[in-house]
PDB file of all heavy atoms in Angstrom:
ATOM      1  N   ALA A   1     187.236 214.136 176.541  1.00  0.00           N
ATOM      2  CA  ALA A   1     188.589 214.390 177.043  1.00  0.00           C
ATOM      3  C   ALA A   1     188.545 215.080 178.387  1.00  0.00           C
ATOM      4  O   ALA A   1     189.343 214.798 179.281  1.00  0.00           O
ATOM      5  CB  ALA A   1     189.363 215.243 176.034  1.00  0.00           C
ATOM      6  N   VAL A   2     187.607 215.998 178.546  1.00  0.00           N
ATOM      7  CA  VAL A   2     187.503 216.666 179.835  1.00  0.00           C
ATOM      8  C   VAL A   2     187.101 215.683 180.913  1.00  0.00           C
ATOM      9  O   VAL A   2     187.595 215.712 182.039  1.00  0.00           O
ATOM     10  CB  VAL A   2     186.473 217.819 179.729  1.00  0.00           C
ATOM     11  CG1 VAL A   2     186.186 218.390 181.093  1.00  0.00           C
ATOM     12  CG2 VAL A   2     187.017 218.893 178.824  1.00  0.00           C
ATOM     13  N   GLN A   3     186.187 214.773 180.567  1.00  0.00           N
ATOM     14  CA  GLN A   3     185.761 213.807 181.568  1.00  0.00           C
ATOM     15  C   GLN A   3     186.877 212.834 181.925  1.00  0.00           C
ATOM     16  O   GLN A   3     186.979 212.392 183.060  1.00  0.00           O
ATOM     17  CB  GLN A   3     184.544 213.035 181.046  1.00  0.00           C
ATOM     18  CG  GLN A   3     183.290 213.900 180.908  1.00  0.00           C
ATOM     19  CD  GLN A   3     182.136 213.131 180.284  1.00  0.00           C
ATOM     20  OE1 GLN A   3     182.339 211.981 179.830  1.00  0.00           O
ATOM     21  NE2 GLN A   3     180.971 213.748 180.255  1.00  0.00           N
ATOM     22  N   LEU A   4     187.792 212.508 180.931  1.00  0.00           N
ATOM     23  CA  LEU A   4     188.854 211.541 181.205  1.00  0.00           C
ATOM     24  C   LEU A   4     190.016 212.169 181.944  1.00  0.00           C
ATOM     25  O   LEU A   4     190.547 211.627 182.901  1.00  0.00           O
ATOM     26  CB  LEU A   4     189.337 210.915 179.896  1.00  0.00           C
ATOM     27  CG  LEU A   4     188.292 210.001 179.185  1.00  0.00           C
ATOM     28  CD1 LEU A   4     188.827 209.533 177.842  1.00  0.00           C
ATOM     29  CD2 LEU A   4     187.927 208.799 180.059  1.00  0.00           C
ATOM     30  N   THR A   5     190.494 213.285 181.449  1.00  0.00           N
ATOM     31  CA  THR A   5     191.700 213.894 182.014  1.00  0.00           C
ATOM     32  C   THR A   5     191.399 214.837 183.154  1.00  0.00           C
ATOM     33  O   THR A   5     192.261 215.110 183.975  1.00  0.00           O
ATOM     34  CB  THR A   5     192.468 214.667 180.933  1.00  0.00           C
ATOM     35  OG1 THR A   5     191.608 215.700 180.429  1.00  0.00           O
ATOM     36  CG2 THR A   5     192.831 213.731 179.772  1.00  0.00           C
ATOM     37  N   GLY A   6     190.188 215.402 183.169  1.00  0.00           N
ATOM     38  CA  GLY A   6     189.874 216.370 184.220  1.00  0.00           C
ATOM     39  C   GLY A   6     190.467 217.727 183.985  1.00  0.00           C
ATOM     40  O   GLY A   6     190.403 218.580 184.858  1.00  0.00           O
ATOM     41  N   GLN A   7     191.106 217.963 182.811  1.00  0.00           N
ATOM     42  CA  GLN A   7     191.715 219.250 182.505  1.00  0.00           C
ATOM     43  C   GLN A   7     190.809 220.002 181.530  1.00  0.00           C
ATOM     44  O   GLN A   7     190.279 219.421 180.590  1.00  0.00           O
ATOM     45  CB  GLN A   7     193.108 219.064 181.865  1.00  0.00           C
ATOM     46  CG  GLN A   7     194.083 218.343 182.771  1.00  0.00           C
ATOM     47  CD  GLN A   7     194.422 219.188 183.986  1.00  0.00           C
ATOM     48  OE1 GLN A   7     194.382 220.405 183.923  1.00  0.00           O
ATOM     49  NE2 GLN A   7     194.758 218.515 185.098  1.00  0.00           N
ATOM     50  N   PRO A   8     190.619 221.279 181.722  1.00  0.00           N
ATOM     51  CA  PRO A   8     189.781 222.055 180.796  1.00  0.00           C
ATOM     52  C   PRO A   8     190.478 222.253 179.466  1.00  0.00           C
ATOM     53  O   PRO A   8     191.703 222.312 179.392  1.00  0.00           O
ATOM     54  CB  PRO A   8     189.587 223.385 181.539  1.00  0.00           C
ATOM     55  CG  PRO A   8     190.780 223.507 182.406  1.00  0.00           C
ATOM     56  CD  PRO A   8     191.133 222.104 182.829  1.00  0.00           C
ATOM     57  N   ILE A   9     189.713 222.268 178.449  1.00  0.00           N
ATOM     58  CA  ILE A   9     190.240 222.490 177.098  1.00  0.00           C
ATOM     59  C   ILE A   9     189.931 223.932 176.726  1.00  0.00           C
ATOM     60  O   ILE A   9     188.777 224.364 176.783  1.00  0.00           O
ATOM     61  CB  ILE A   9     189.588 221.516 176.097  1.00  0.00           C
ATOM     62  CG1 ILE A   9     189.937 220.077 176.485  1.00  0.00           C
ATOM     63  CG2 ILE A   9     190.030 221.809 174.684  1.00  0.00           C
ATOM     64  CD1 ILE A   9     189.270 219.045 175.605  1.00  0.00           C
ATOM     65  N   LEU A  10     190.948 224.631 176.352  1.00  0.00           N
ATOM     66  CA  LEU A  10     190.793 226.046 175.984  1.00  0.00           C
ATOM     67  C   LEU A  10     190.339 226.147 174.543  1.00  0.00           C
ATOM     68  O   LEU A  10     190.860 225.441 173.669  1.00  0.00           O
ATOM     69  CB  LEU A  10     192.109 226.807 176.176  1.00  0.00           C
ATOM     70  CG  LEU A  10     192.637 226.832 177.616  1.00  0.00           C
ATOM     71  CD1 LEU A  10     193.966 227.571 177.657  1.00  0.00           C
ATOM     72  CD2 LEU A  10     191.628 227.490 178.541  1.00  0.00           C
ATOM     73  N   ALA A  11     189.389 226.979 174.310  1.00  0.00           N
ATOM     74  CA  ALA A  11     188.907 227.180 172.947  1.00  0.00           C
ATOM     75  C   ALA A  11     189.942 227.966 172.159  1.00  0.00           C
ATOM     76  O   ALA A  11     190.678 228.793 172.701  1.00  0.00           O
ATOM     77  CB  ALA A  11     187.577 227.947 172.978  1.00  0.00           C
ATOM     78  N   PRO A  12     190.070 227.672 170.866  1.00  0.00           N
ATOM     79  CA  PRO A  12     191.054 228.406 170.050  1.00  0.00           C
ATOM     80  C   PRO A  12     190.686 229.874 169.975  1.00  0.00           C
ATOM     81  O   PRO A  12     189.522 230.243 169.842  1.00  0.00           O
ATOM     82  CB  PRO A  12     190.941 227.738 168.681  1.00  0.00           C
ATOM     83  CG  PRO A  12     189.594 227.118 168.662  1.00  0.00           C
ATOM     84  CD  PRO A  12     189.307 226.698 170.075  1.00  0.00           C
ATOM     85  N   VAL A  13     191.669 230.659 170.085  1.00  0.00           N
ATOM     86  CA  VAL A  13     191.493 232.110 170.083  1.00  0.00           C
ATOM     87  C   VAL A  13     191.924 232.636 168.733  1.00  0.00           C
ATOM     88  O   VAL A  13     193.008 232.289 168.236  1.00  0.00           O
ATOM     89  CB  VAL A  13     192.314 232.774 171.214  1.00  0.00           C
ATOM     90  CG1 VAL A  13     192.103 234.289 171.188  1.00  0.00           C
ATOM     91  CG2 VAL A  13     191.913 232.184 172.552  1.00  0.00           C
ATOM     92  N   GLY A  14     191.066 233.471 168.127  1.00  0.00           N
ATOM     93  CA  GLY A  14     191.379 234.033 166.820  1.00  0.00           C
ATOM     94  C   GLY A  14     192.422 235.123 166.922  1.00  0.00           C
ATOM     95  O   GLY A  14     192.844 235.537 168.017  1.00  0.00           O
ATOM     96  N   PRO A  15     192.876 235.615 165.786  1.00  0.00           N
ATOM     97  CA  PRO A  15     193.890 236.690 165.797  1.00  0.00           C
ATOM     98  C   PRO A  15     193.325 237.979 166.373  1.00  0.00           C
ATOM     99  O   PRO A  15     192.193 238.355 166.118  1.00  0.00           O
ATOM    100  CB  PRO A  15     194.227 236.858 164.310  1.00  0.00           C
ATOM    101  CG  PRO A  15     193.043 236.344 163.584  1.00  0.00           C
ATOM    102  CD  PRO A  15     192.486 235.233 164.427  1.00  0.00           C
ATOM    103  N   LYS A  16     194.128 238.608 167.168  1.00  0.00           N
ATOM    104  CA  LYS A  16     193.718 239.860 167.801  1.00  0.00           C
ATOM    105  C   LYS A  16     193.756 241.006 166.808  1.00  0.00           C
ATOM    106  O   LYS A  16     194.610 241.038 165.920  1.00  0.00           O
ATOM    107  CB  LYS A  16     194.626 240.195 168.992  1.00  0.00           C
ATOM    108  CG  LYS A  16     194.517 239.193 170.142  1.00  0.00           C
ATOM    109  CD  LYS A  16     195.380 239.633 171.285  1.00  0.00           C
ATOM    110  CE  LYS A  16     195.264 238.673 172.471  1.00  0.00           C
ATOM    111  NZ  LYS A  16     196.102 239.099 173.602  1.00  0.00           N
ATOM    112  N   ALA A  17     192.811 241.924 166.999  1.00  0.00           N
ATOM    113  CA  ALA A  17     192.799 243.125 166.153  1.00  0.00           C
ATOM    114  C   ALA A  17     193.921 244.047 166.574  1.00  0.00           C
ATOM    115  O   ALA A  17     194.247 244.161 167.758  1.00  0.00           O
ATOM    116  CB  ALA A  17     191.459 243.853 166.289  1.00  0.00           C
ATOM    117  N   PRO A  18     194.558 244.711 165.619  1.00  0.00           N
ATOM    118  CA  PRO A  18     195.660 245.623 165.969  1.00  0.00           C
ATOM    119  C   PRO A  18     195.152 246.769 166.814  1.00  0.00           C
ATOM    120  O   PRO A  18     194.136 247.388 166.510  1.00  0.00           O
ATOM    121  CB  PRO A  18     196.156 246.110 164.603  1.00  0.00           C
ATOM    122  CG  PRO A  18     195.014 245.898 163.671  1.00  0.00           C
ATOM    123  CD  PRO A  18     194.301 244.680 164.162  1.00  0.00           C
ATOM    124  N   SER A  19     195.832 246.990 167.893  1.00  0.00           N
ATOM    125  CA  SER A  19     195.436 248.077 168.806  1.00  0.00           C
ATOM    126  C   SER A  19     195.879 249.409 168.264  1.00  0.00           C
ATOM    127  O   SER A  19     196.843 249.516 167.501  1.00  0.00           O
ATOM    128  CB  SER A  19     196.049 247.842 170.198  1.00  0.00           C
ATOM    129  OG  SER A  19     197.462 247.798 170.093  1.00  0.00           O
ATOM    130  N   ALA A  20     195.103 250.468 168.660  1.00  0.00           N
ATOM    131  CA  ALA A  20     195.419 251.822 168.212  1.00  0.00           C
ATOM    132  C   ALA A  20     196.698 252.298 168.880  1.00  0.00           C
ATOM    133  O   ALA A  20     196.965 251.979 170.039  1.00  0.00           O
ATOM    134  CB  ALA A  20     194.269 252.772 168.556  1.00  0.00           C
ATOM    135  N   PRO A  21     197.508 253.044 168.148  1.00  0.00           N
ATOM    136  CA  PRO A  21     198.753 253.557 168.752  1.00  0.00           C
ATOM    137  C   PRO A  21     198.448 254.497 169.892  1.00  0.00           C
ATOM    138  O   PRO A  21     197.496 255.262 169.862  1.00  0.00           O
ATOM    139  CB  PRO A  21     199.427 254.280 167.576  1.00  0.00           C
ATOM    140  CG  PRO A  21     198.327 254.602 166.631  1.00  0.00           C
ATOM    141  CD  PRO A  21     197.338 253.499 166.754  1.00  0.00           C
ATOM    142  N   ALA A  22     199.233 254.387 170.921  1.00  0.00           N
ATOM    143  CA  ALA A  22     199.040 255.213 172.116  1.00  0.00           C
ATOM    144  C   ALA A  22     199.431 256.652 171.830  1.00  0.00           C
ATOM    145  O   ALA A  22     200.299 256.935 171.008  1.00  0.00           O
ATOM    146  CB  ALA A  22     199.879 254.668 173.275  1.00  0.00           C
ATOM    147  N   ASP A  23     198.767 257.545 172.513  1.00  0.00           N
ATOM    148  CA  ASP A  23     199.064 258.967 172.379  1.00  0.00           C
ATOM    149  C   ASP A  23     200.383 259.261 173.069  1.00  0.00           C
ATOM    150  O   ASP A  23     200.523 259.015 174.274  1.00  0.00           O
ATOM    151  CB  ASP A  23     197.938 259.784 173.016  1.00  0.00           C
ATOM    152  CG  ASP A  23     198.085 261.261 172.718  1.00  0.00           C
ATOM    153  OD1 ASP A  23     199.013 261.612 171.982  1.00  0.00           O
ATOM    154  OD2 ASP A  23     197.262 262.048 173.231  1.00  0.00           O
ATOM    155  N   PRO A  24     201.373 259.756 172.320  1.00  0.00           N
ATOM    156  CA  PRO A  24     202.684 260.007 172.963  1.00  0.00           C
ATOM    157  C   PRO A  24     202.613 261.038 174.067  1.00  0.00           C
ATOM    158  O   PRO A  24     203.409 261.020 174.992  1.00  0.00           O
ATOM    159  CB  PRO A  24     203.548 260.480 171.795  1.00  0.00           C
ATOM    160  CG  PRO A  24     202.586 261.008 170.785  1.00  0.00           C
ATOM    161  CD  PRO A  24     201.372 260.147 170.908  1.00  0.00           C
ATOM    162  N   SER A  25     201.674 261.964 173.988  1.00  0.00           N
ATOM    163  CA  SER A  25     201.592 262.986 175.040  1.00  0.00           C
ATOM    164  C   SER A  25     200.977 262.453 176.318  1.00  0.00           C
ATOM    165  O   SER A  25     201.096 263.056 177.362  1.00  0.00           O
ATOM    166  CB  SER A  25     200.787 264.187 174.540  1.00  0.00           C
ATOM    167  OG  SER A  25     199.477 263.780 174.207  1.00  0.00           O
ATOM    168  N   GLY A  26     200.255 261.334 176.214  1.00  0.00           N
ATOM    169  CA  GLY A  26     199.660 260.744 177.403  1.00  0.00           C
ATOM    170  C   GLY A  26     198.404 261.437 177.878  1.00  0.00           C
ATOM    171  O   GLY A  26     197.934 261.192 178.974  1.00  0.00           O
ATOM    172  N   THR A  27     197.806 262.328 177.055  1.00  0.00           N
ATOM    173  CA  THR A  27     196.595 263.048 177.438  1.00  0.00           C
ATOM    174  C   THR A  27     195.465 262.638 176.505  1.00  0.00           C
ATOM    175  O   THR A  27     195.687 262.299 175.341  1.00  0.00           O
ATOM    176  CB  THR A  27     196.805 264.566 177.356  1.00  0.00           C
ATOM    177  OG1 THR A  27     197.167 264.908 176.014  1.00  0.00           O
ATOM    178  CG2 THR A  27     197.892 265.008 178.314  1.00  0.00           C
ATOM    179  N   VAL A  28     194.267 262.682 177.058  1.00  0.00           N
ATOM    180  CA  VAL A  28     193.075 262.352 176.290  1.00  0.00           C
ATOM    181  C   VAL A  28     192.284 263.635 176.106  1.00  0.00           C
ATOM    182  O   VAL A  28     191.926 264.294 177.086  1.00  0.00           O
ATOM    183  CB  VAL A  28     192.224 261.292 177.019  1.00  0.00           C
ATOM    184  CG1 VAL A  28     190.950 260.998 176.222  1.00  0.00           C
ATOM    185  CG2 VAL A  28     193.030 260.026 177.218  1.00  0.00           C
ATOM    186  N   GLY A  29     191.975 264.021 174.862  1.00  0.00           N
ATOM    187  CA  GLY A  29     191.245 265.255 174.571  1.00  0.00           C
ATOM    188  C   GLY A  29     189.924 264.947 173.908  1.00  0.00           C
ATOM    189  O   GLY A  29     189.786 263.960 173.181  1.00  0.00           O
ATOM    190  N   VAL A  30     188.939 265.793 174.160  1.00  0.00           N
ATOM    191  CA  VAL A  30     187.621 265.683 173.561  1.00  0.00           C
ATOM    192  C   VAL A  30     187.394 266.923 172.719  1.00  0.00           C
ATOM    193  O   VAL A  30     187.483 268.051 173.212  1.00  0.00           O
ATOM    194  CB  VAL A  30     186.522 265.563 174.645  1.00  0.00           C
ATOM    195  CG1 VAL A  30     185.151 265.464 173.985  1.00  0.00           C
ATOM    196  CG2 VAL A  30     186.784 264.355 175.528  1.00  0.00           C
ATOM    197  N   ASN A  31     187.089 266.720 171.441  1.00  0.00           N
ATOM    198  CA  ASN A  31     186.896 267.821 170.514  1.00  0.00           C
ATOM    199  C   ASN A  31     185.418 268.191 170.487  1.00  0.00           C
ATOM    200  O   ASN A  31     184.587 267.451 169.955  1.00  0.00           O
ATOM    201  CB  ASN A  31     187.366 267.405 169.109  1.00  0.00           C
ATOM    202  CG  ASN A  31     187.308 268.552 168.123  1.00  0.00           C
ATOM    203  OD1 ASN A  31     187.163 269.707 168.516  1.00  0.00           O
ATOM    204  ND2 ASN A  31     187.414 268.233 166.833  1.00  0.00           N
ATOM    205  N   LEU A  32     185.072 269.295 171.104  1.00  0.00           N
ATOM    206  CA  LEU A  32     183.701 269.774 171.144  1.00  0.00           C
ATOM    207  C   LEU A  32     183.549 270.895 170.135  1.00  0.00           C
ATOM    208  O   LEU A  32     184.086 271.985 170.309  1.00  0.00           O
ATOM    209  CB  LEU A  32     183.330 270.280 172.547  1.00  0.00           C
ATOM    210  CG  LEU A  32     183.337 269.213 173.652  1.00  0.00           C
ATOM    211  CD1 LEU A  32     183.038 269.865 174.987  1.00  0.00           C
ATOM    212  CD2 LEU A  32     182.343 268.105 173.349  1.00  0.00           C
ATOM    213  N   SER A  33     182.827 270.624 169.056  1.00  0.00           N
ATOM    214  CA  SER A  33     182.637 271.633 168.026  1.00  0.00           C
ATOM    215  C   SER A  33     181.504 272.569 168.417  1.00  0.00           C
ATOM    216  O   SER A  33     180.459 272.115 168.896  1.00  0.00           O
ATOM    217  CB  SER A  33     182.315 270.954 166.691  1.00  0.00           C
ATOM    218  OG  SER A  33     182.031 271.919 165.695  1.00  0.00           O
ATOM    219  N   PRO A  34     181.657 273.873 168.210  1.00  0.00           N
ATOM    220  CA  PRO A  34     180.562 274.791 168.549  1.00  0.00           C
ATOM    221  C   PRO A  34     179.394 274.702 167.598  1.00  0.00           C
ATOM    222  O   PRO A  34     178.359 275.293 167.837  1.00  0.00           O
ATOM    223  CB  PRO A  34     181.231 276.168 168.473  1.00  0.00           C
ATOM    224  CG  PRO A  34     182.368 275.976 167.515  1.00  0.00           C
ATOM    225  CD  PRO A  34     182.858 274.578 167.741  1.00  0.00           C
ATOM    226  N   LYS A  35     179.521 273.979 166.500  1.00  0.00           N
ATOM    227  CA  LYS A  35     178.435 273.859 165.542  1.00  0.00           C
ATOM    228  C   LYS A  35     177.310 273.036 166.136  1.00  0.00           C
ATOM    229  O   LYS A  35     177.529 271.949 166.653  1.00  0.00           O
ATOM    230  CB  LYS A  35     178.951 273.203 164.263  1.00  0.00           C
ATOM    231  CG  LYS A  35     177.898 273.099 163.162  1.00  0.00           C
ATOM    232  CD  LYS A  35     178.493 272.490 161.920  1.00  0.00           C
ATOM    233  CE  LYS A  35     177.450 272.374 160.816  1.00  0.00           C
ATOM    234  NZ  LYS A  35     178.022 271.784 159.587  1.00  0.00           N
ATOM    235  N   PRO A  36     176.049 273.511 166.109  1.00  0.00           N
ATOM    236  CA  PRO A  36     174.952 272.756 166.714  1.00  0.00           C
ATOM    237  C   PRO A  36     174.673 271.474 165.961  1.00  0.00           C
ATOM    238  O   PRO A  36     174.876 271.388 164.750  1.00  0.00           O
ATOM    239  CB  PRO A  36     173.763 273.736 166.626  1.00  0.00           C
ATOM    240  CG  PRO A  36     174.114 274.636 165.498  1.00  0.00           C
ATOM    241  CD  PRO A  36     175.605 274.772 165.515  1.00  0.00           C
ATOM    242  N   SER A  37     174.201 270.468 166.665  1.00  0.00           N
ATOM    243  CA  SER A  37     173.900 269.191 166.059  1.00  0.00           C
ATOM    244  C   SER A  37     172.609 269.277 165.259  1.00  0.00           C
ATOM    245  O   SER A  37     171.892 270.280 165.272  1.00  0.00           O
ATOM    246  CB  SER A  37     173.800 268.110 167.133  1.00  0.00           C
ATOM    247  OG  SER A  37     172.747 268.423 168.024  1.00  0.00           O
ATOM    248  N   GLN A  38     172.303 268.163 164.578  1.00  0.00           N
ATOM    249  CA  GLN A  38     171.089 268.131 163.778  1.00  0.00           C
ATOM    250  C   GLN A  38     169.841 268.196 164.646  1.00  0.00           C
ATOM    251  O   GLN A  38     168.840 268.803 164.271  1.00  0.00           O
ATOM    252  CB  GLN A  38     171.083 266.872 162.917  1.00  0.00           C
ATOM    253  CG  GLN A  38     169.917 266.804 161.929  1.00  0.00           C
ATOM    254  CD  GLN A  38     169.985 265.568 161.064  1.00  0.00           C
ATOM    255  OE1 GLN A  38     170.867 264.734 161.242  1.00  0.00           O
ATOM    256  NE2 GLN A  38     169.071 265.454 160.116  1.00  0.00           N
ATOM    257  N   SER A  39     169.897 267.563 165.815  1.00  0.00           N
ATOM    258  CA  SER A  39     168.736 267.608 166.710  1.00  0.00           C
ATOM    259  C   SER A  39     168.464 269.023 167.201  1.00  0.00           C
ATOM    260  O   SER A  39     167.303 269.443 167.318  1.00  0.00           O
ATOM    261  CB  SER A  39     168.973 266.674 167.902  1.00  0.00           C
ATOM    262  OG  SER A  39     170.132 267.069 168.622  1.00  0.00           O
ATOM    263  N   VAL A  40     169.532 269.783 167.482  1.00  0.00           N
ATOM    264  CA  VAL A  40     169.340 271.178 167.913  1.00  0.00           C
ATOM    265  C   VAL A  40     168.747 272.010 166.777  1.00  0.00           C
ATOM    266  O   VAL A  40     167.875 272.864 166.995  1.00  0.00           O
ATOM    267  CB  VAL A  40     170.676 271.761 168.397  1.00  0.00           C
ATOM    268  CG1 VAL A  40     170.530 273.241 168.747  1.00  0.00           C
ATOM    269  CG2 VAL A  40     171.187 270.997 169.612  1.00  0.00           C
ATOM    270  N   SER A  41     169.189 271.748 165.548  1.00  0.00           N
ATOM    271  CA  SER A  41     168.644 272.478 164.404  1.00  0.00           C
ATOM    272  C   SER A  41     167.164 272.160 164.204  1.00  0.00           C
ATOM    273  O   SER A  41     166.354 273.054 163.920  1.00  0.00           O
ATOM    274  CB  SER A  41     169.434 272.119 163.141  1.00  0.00           C
ATOM    275  OG  SER A  41     170.804 272.436 163.299  1.00  0.00           O
ATOM    276  N   ILE A  42     166.795 270.885 164.372  1.00  0.00           N
ATOM    277  CA  ILE A  42     165.379 270.508 164.241  1.00  0.00           C
ATOM    278  C   ILE A  42     164.545 271.155 165.350  1.00  0.00           C
ATOM    279  O   ILE A  42     163.427 271.643 165.113  1.00  0.00           O
ATOM    280  CB  ILE A  42     165.239 268.981 164.265  1.00  0.00           C
ATOM    281  CG1 ILE A  42     165.917 268.376 163.023  1.00  0.00           C
ATOM    282  CG2 ILE A  42     163.773 268.565 164.328  1.00  0.00           C
ATOM    283  CD1 ILE A  42     165.941 266.874 163.017  1.00  0.00           C
ATOM    284  N   LEU A  43     165.088 271.172 166.576  1.00  0.00           N
ATOM    285  CA  LEU A  43     164.376 271.822 167.682  1.00  0.00           C
ATOM    286  C   LEU A  43     164.205 273.311 167.422  1.00  0.00           C
ATOM    287  O   LEU A  43     163.145 273.888 167.700  1.00  0.00           O
ATOM    288  CB  LEU A  43     165.144 271.592 168.980  1.00  0.00           C
ATOM    289  CG  LEU A  43     164.532 272.200 170.259  1.00  0.00           C
ATOM    290  CD1 LEU A  43     163.159 271.600 170.518  1.00  0.00           C
ATOM    291  CD2 LEU A  43     165.450 271.965 171.443  1.00  0.00           C
TER     292      LEU A  43
END
C-alpha cells in the first residue's frame, strides 16, 4: 500500500496510561529523610 499510494501508514497506537494528577500548588518538592541509607550503614 505504501508503494502504491505513496502515503505512510501509521501503526496502531495502544491505549495511553493514565497520567498522574498535577500538583495544584504547582511546586515540586523532594523529601530528603535524615535517616542514613543502607549503604551508609554498611560503610
